[in-house]
PDB file of N, CA and C in Angstrom:
ATOM      1  N   MET A   1     -27.086   2.209  51.237  1.00  0.00           N
ATOM      2  CA  MET A   1     -27.917   1.620  50.040  1.00  0.00           C
ATOM      3  C   MET A   1     -27.687   0.249  50.114  1.00  0.00           C
ATOM      4  N   LYS A   2     -28.079  -0.871  50.113  1.00  0.00           N
ATOM      5  CA  LYS A   2     -27.962  -2.073  49.924  1.00  0.00           C
ATOM      6  C   LYS A   2     -27.619  -2.506  48.588  1.00  0.00           C
ATOM      7  N   LYS A   3     -27.124  -3.380  47.895  1.00  0.00           N
ATOM      8  CA  LYS A   3     -26.932  -4.055  46.702  1.00  0.00           C
ATOM      9  C   LYS A   3     -27.442  -5.347  47.182  1.00  0.00           C
ATOM     10  N   THR A   4     -28.462  -5.830  46.640  1.00  0.00           N
ATOM     11  CA  THR A   4     -28.615  -7.325  46.337  1.00  0.00           C
ATOM     12  C   THR A   4     -29.139  -8.188  45.633  1.00  0.00           C
ATOM     13  N   SER A   5     -29.258  -9.309  45.593  1.00  0.00           N
ATOM     14  CA  SER A   5     -29.619 -10.094  44.513  1.00  0.00           C
ATOM     15  C   SER A   5     -30.777 -10.554  44.233  1.00  0.00           C
ATOM     16  N   SER A   6     -31.689  -9.996  45.134  1.00  0.00           N
ATOM     17  CA  SER A   6     -33.282 -10.574  45.301  1.00  0.00           C
ATOM     18  C   SER A   6     -33.954  -9.428  46.159  1.00  0.00           C
ATOM     19  N   LEU A   7     -34.650  -8.700  44.941  1.00  0.00           N
ATOM     20  CA  LEU A   7     -35.573  -7.344  45.544  1.00  0.00           C
ATOM     21  C   LEU A   7     -36.831  -8.025  45.742  1.00  0.00           C
ATOM     22  N   LYS A   8     -37.238  -8.917  45.647  1.00  0.00           N
ATOM     23  CA  LYS A   8     -38.729  -9.856  46.238  1.00  0.00           C
ATOM     24  C   LYS A   8     -38.632  -9.597  47.642  1.00  0.00           C
ATOM     25  N   SER A   9     -37.520 -10.238  48.337  1.00  0.00           N
ATOM     26  CA  SER A   9     -37.345 -10.541  49.527  1.00  0.00           C
ATOM     27  C   SER A   9     -37.586  -8.993  50.286  1.00  0.00           C
ATOM     28  N   LEU A  10     -36.977  -8.258  49.505  1.00  0.00           N
ATOM     29  CA  LEU A  10     -36.483  -6.570  50.556  1.00  0.00           C
ATOM     30  C   LEU A  10     -37.867  -6.215  50.191  1.00  0.00           C
ATOM     31  N   LYS A  11     -38.820  -6.251  49.285  1.00  0.00           N
ATOM     32  CA  LYS A  11     -40.197  -5.691  49.001  1.00  0.00           C
ATOM     33  C   LYS A  11     -40.815  -6.205  50.037  1.00  0.00           C
ATOM     34  N   SER A  12     -40.781  -7.328  50.742  1.00  0.00           N
ATOM     35  CA  SER A  12     -41.957  -7.669  51.594  1.00  0.00           C
ATOM     36  C   SER A  12     -41.595  -7.642  52.993  1.00  0.00           C
ATOM     37  N   ARG A  13     -40.443  -6.697  53.175  1.00  0.00           N
ATOM     38  CA  ARG A  13     -39.921  -6.667  54.638  1.00  0.00           C
ATOM     39  C   ARG A  13     -40.226  -5.307  55.018  1.00  0.00           C
ATOM     40  N   ASP A  14     -40.767  -4.441  54.283  1.00  0.00           N
ATOM     41  CA  ASP A  14     -41.906  -3.181  54.655  1.00  0.00           C
ATOM     42  C   ASP A  14     -43.154  -3.289  53.968  1.00  0.00           C
ATOM     43  N   LYS A  15     -44.256  -2.788  54.451  1.00  0.00           N
ATOM     44  CA  LYS A  15     -45.773  -2.743  53.737  1.00  0.00           C
ATOM     45  C   LYS A  15     -45.619  -1.063  52.596  1.00  0.00           C
ATOM     46  N   ASN A  16     -44.589  -0.289  53.019  1.00  0.00           N
ATOM     47  CA  ASN A  16     -44.471   0.780  52.186  1.00  0.00           C
ATOM     48  C   ASN A  16     -43.311   0.525  51.160  1.00  0.00           C
ATOM     49  N   ASN A  17     -42.675  -0.493  51.115  1.00  0.00           N
ATOM     50  CA  ASN A  17     -41.585  -0.602  49.833  1.00  0.00           C
ATOM     51  C   ASN A  17     -42.279  -0.770  48.893  1.00  0.00           C
ATOM     52  N   LYS A  18     -41.444  -0.056  47.787  1.00  0.00           N
ATOM     53  CA  LYS A  18     -42.039  -0.204  46.035  1.00  0.00           C
ATOM     54  C   LYS A  18     -40.959  -0.317  45.477  1.00  0.00           C
ATOM     55  N   VAL A  19     -40.932  -1.117  44.516  1.00  0.00           N
ATOM     56  CA  VAL A  19     -39.498  -1.537  43.345  1.00  0.00           C
ATOM     57  C   VAL A  19     -40.363  -0.718  42.476  1.00  0.00           C
ATOM     58  N   VAL A  20     -39.052   0.387  41.840  1.00  0.00           N
ATOM     59  CA  VAL A  20     -39.306   1.333  40.381  1.00  0.00           C
ATOM     60  C   VAL A  20     -38.019   0.941  39.782  1.00  0.00           C
ATOM     61  N   ARG A  21     -38.451   1.226  38.405  1.00  0.00           N
ATOM     62  CA  ARG A  21     -37.272   1.277  37.654  1.00  0.00           C
ATOM     63  C   ARG A  21     -36.785   2.664  37.166  1.00  0.00           C
ATOM     64  N   ARG A  22     -35.656   2.735  37.475  1.00  0.00           N
ATOM     65  CA  ARG A  22     -34.942   4.314  36.817  1.00  0.00           C
ATOM     66  C   ARG A  22     -33.695   3.992  36.438  1.00  0.00           C
ATOM     67  N   ARG A  23     -33.162   5.029  35.688  1.00  0.00           N
ATOM     68  CA  ARG A  23     -32.015   4.930  34.973  1.00  0.00           C
ATOM     69  C   ARG A  23     -30.821   5.601  35.880  1.00  0.00           C
ATOM     70  N   ASP A  24     -29.786   4.820  35.835  1.00  0.00           N
ATOM     71  CA  ASP A  24     -28.638   5.199  36.777  1.00  0.00           C
ATOM     72  C   ASP A  24     -27.923   6.337  35.706  1.00  0.00           C
ATOM     73  N   GLY A  25     -26.689   6.689  35.734  1.00  0.00           N
ATOM     74  CA  GLY A  25     -26.155   8.084  35.419  1.00  0.00           C
ATOM     75  C   GLY A  25     -25.495   7.634  33.999  1.00  0.00           C
ATOM     76  N   LYS A  26     -25.444   6.057  33.822  1.00  0.00           N
ATOM     77  CA  LYS A  26     -24.637   5.819  32.190  1.00  0.00           C
ATOM     78  C   LYS A  26     -25.945   5.268  31.433  1.00  0.00           C
ATOM     79  N   GLY A  27     -26.823   5.528  31.859  1.00  0.00           N
ATOM     80  CA  GLY A  27     -28.262   5.105  30.992  1.00  0.00           C
ATOM     81  C   GLY A  27     -28.916   3.729  31.195  1.00  0.00           C
ATOM     82  N   LYS A  28     -27.959   3.104  32.080  1.00  0.00           N
ATOM     83  CA  LYS A  28     -28.717   1.595  32.499  1.00  0.00           C
ATOM     84  C   LYS A  28     -30.013   1.532  33.035  1.00  0.00           C
ATOM     85  N   MET A  29     -30.729   0.778  33.138  1.00  0.00           N
ATOM     86  CA  MET A  29     -31.734   0.621  34.014  1.00  0.00           C
ATOM     87  C   MET A  29     -31.580  -0.087  34.889  1.00  0.00           C
ATOM     88  N   ARG A  30     -31.966   0.183  36.211  1.00  0.00           N
ATOM     89  CA  ARG A  30     -31.807  -0.550  37.505  1.00  0.00           C
ATOM     90  C   ARG A  30     -32.885  -0.538  38.349  1.00  0.00           C
ATOM     91  N   LEU A  31     -33.101  -1.408  39.172  1.00  0.00           N
ATOM     92  CA  LEU A  31     -34.017  -1.696  40.051  1.00  0.00           C
ATOM     93  C   LEU A  31     -33.825  -1.369  41.283  1.00  0.00           C
ATOM     94  N   TYR A  32     -34.742  -0.101  41.758  1.00  0.00           N
ATOM     95  CA  TYR A  32     -34.628   0.142  42.903  1.00  0.00           C
ATOM     96  C   TYR A  32     -35.927  -0.184  43.958  1.00  0.00           C
ATOM     97  N   VAL A  33     -35.569  -0.170  45.397  1.00  0.00           N
ATOM     98  CA  VAL A  33     -36.657   0.120  46.193  1.00  0.00           C
ATOM     99  C   VAL A  33     -36.299   0.777  46.966  1.00  0.00           C
ATOM    100  N   ILE A  34     -37.992   1.619  47.029  1.00  0.00           N
ATOM    101  CA  ILE A  34     -37.577   3.136  47.499  1.00  0.00           C
ATOM    102  C   ILE A  34     -38.773   3.114  48.837  1.00  0.00           C
ATOM    103  N   ASN A  35     -39.173   3.600  49.642  1.00  0.00           N
ATOM    104  CA  ASN A  35     -39.545   3.960  50.856  1.00  0.00           C
ATOM    105  C   ASN A  35     -39.654   5.188  51.546  1.00  0.00           C
ATOM    106  N   LYS A  36     -40.662   6.087  51.156  1.00  0.00           N
ATOM    107  CA  LYS A  36     -40.880   7.366  51.604  1.00  0.00           C
ATOM    108  C   LYS A  36     -40.660   7.527  53.201  1.00  0.00           C
ATOM    109  N   GLU A  37     -41.849   6.361  54.073  1.00  0.00           N
ATOM    110  CA  GLU A  37     -41.663   6.586  55.424  1.00  0.00           C
ATOM    111  C   GLU A  37     -40.471   6.163  56.303  1.00  0.00           C
ATOM    112  N   ASN A  38     -39.981   4.855  55.534  1.00  0.00           N
ATOM    113  CA  ASN A  38     -38.668   4.756  56.250  1.00  0.00           C
ATOM    114  C   ASN A  38     -37.790   4.366  55.387  1.00  0.00           C
ATOM    115  N   PRO A  39     -36.743   5.369  55.241  1.00  0.00           N
ATOM    116  CA  PRO A  39     -35.370   5.397  54.003  1.00  0.00           C
ATOM    117  C   PRO A  39     -34.312   4.748  54.217  1.00  0.00           C
ATOM    118  N   ARG A  40     -34.694   4.011  55.393  1.00  0.00           N
ATOM    119  CA  ARG A  40     -33.509   3.086  55.416  1.00  0.00           C
ATOM    120  C   ARG A  40     -33.589   1.752  54.477  1.00  0.00           C
ATOM    121  N   MET A  41     -34.915   1.578  53.996  1.00  0.00           N
ATOM    122  CA  MET A  41     -35.118   0.281  53.515  1.00  0.00           C
ATOM    123  C   MET A  41     -34.710   0.452  52.248  1.00  0.00           C
ATOM    124  N   LYS A  42     -33.838   1.395  51.586  1.00  0.00           N
ATOM    125  CA  LYS A  42     -33.425   1.441  50.372  1.00  0.00           C
ATOM    126  C   LYS A  42     -32.546   0.711  49.567  1.00  0.00           C
ATOM    127  N   ALA A  43     -32.888   0.172  48.504  1.00  0.00           N
ATOM    128  CA  ALA A  43     -31.821  -0.956  48.049  1.00  0.00           C
ATOM    129  C   ALA A  43     -31.788  -0.563  46.255  1.00  0.00           C
ATOM    130  N   LYS A  44     -30.341  -1.397  45.697  1.00  0.00           N
ATOM    131  CA  LYS A  44     -30.690  -1.195  43.971  1.00  0.00           C
ATOM    132  C   LYS A  44     -29.955  -2.599  44.070  1.00  0.00           C
ATOM    133  N   GLN A  45     -30.465  -2.802  42.410  1.00  0.00           N
ATOM    134  CA  GLN A  45     -30.055  -4.287  42.032  1.00  0.00           C
ATOM    135  C   GLN A  45     -29.688  -3.694  40.241  1.00  0.00           C
TER     136      GLN A  45
END
């Protein structure tokens, strides 16, 4: 999984990419890019 400074550029990389907000293990909100069809597109910020 890549860490990146700009998730907007990663969202436009594939039409199935979605940006979601989830909590990490310590309770912080993180932004993730997920893609069900192509799991290689995962990223977090």
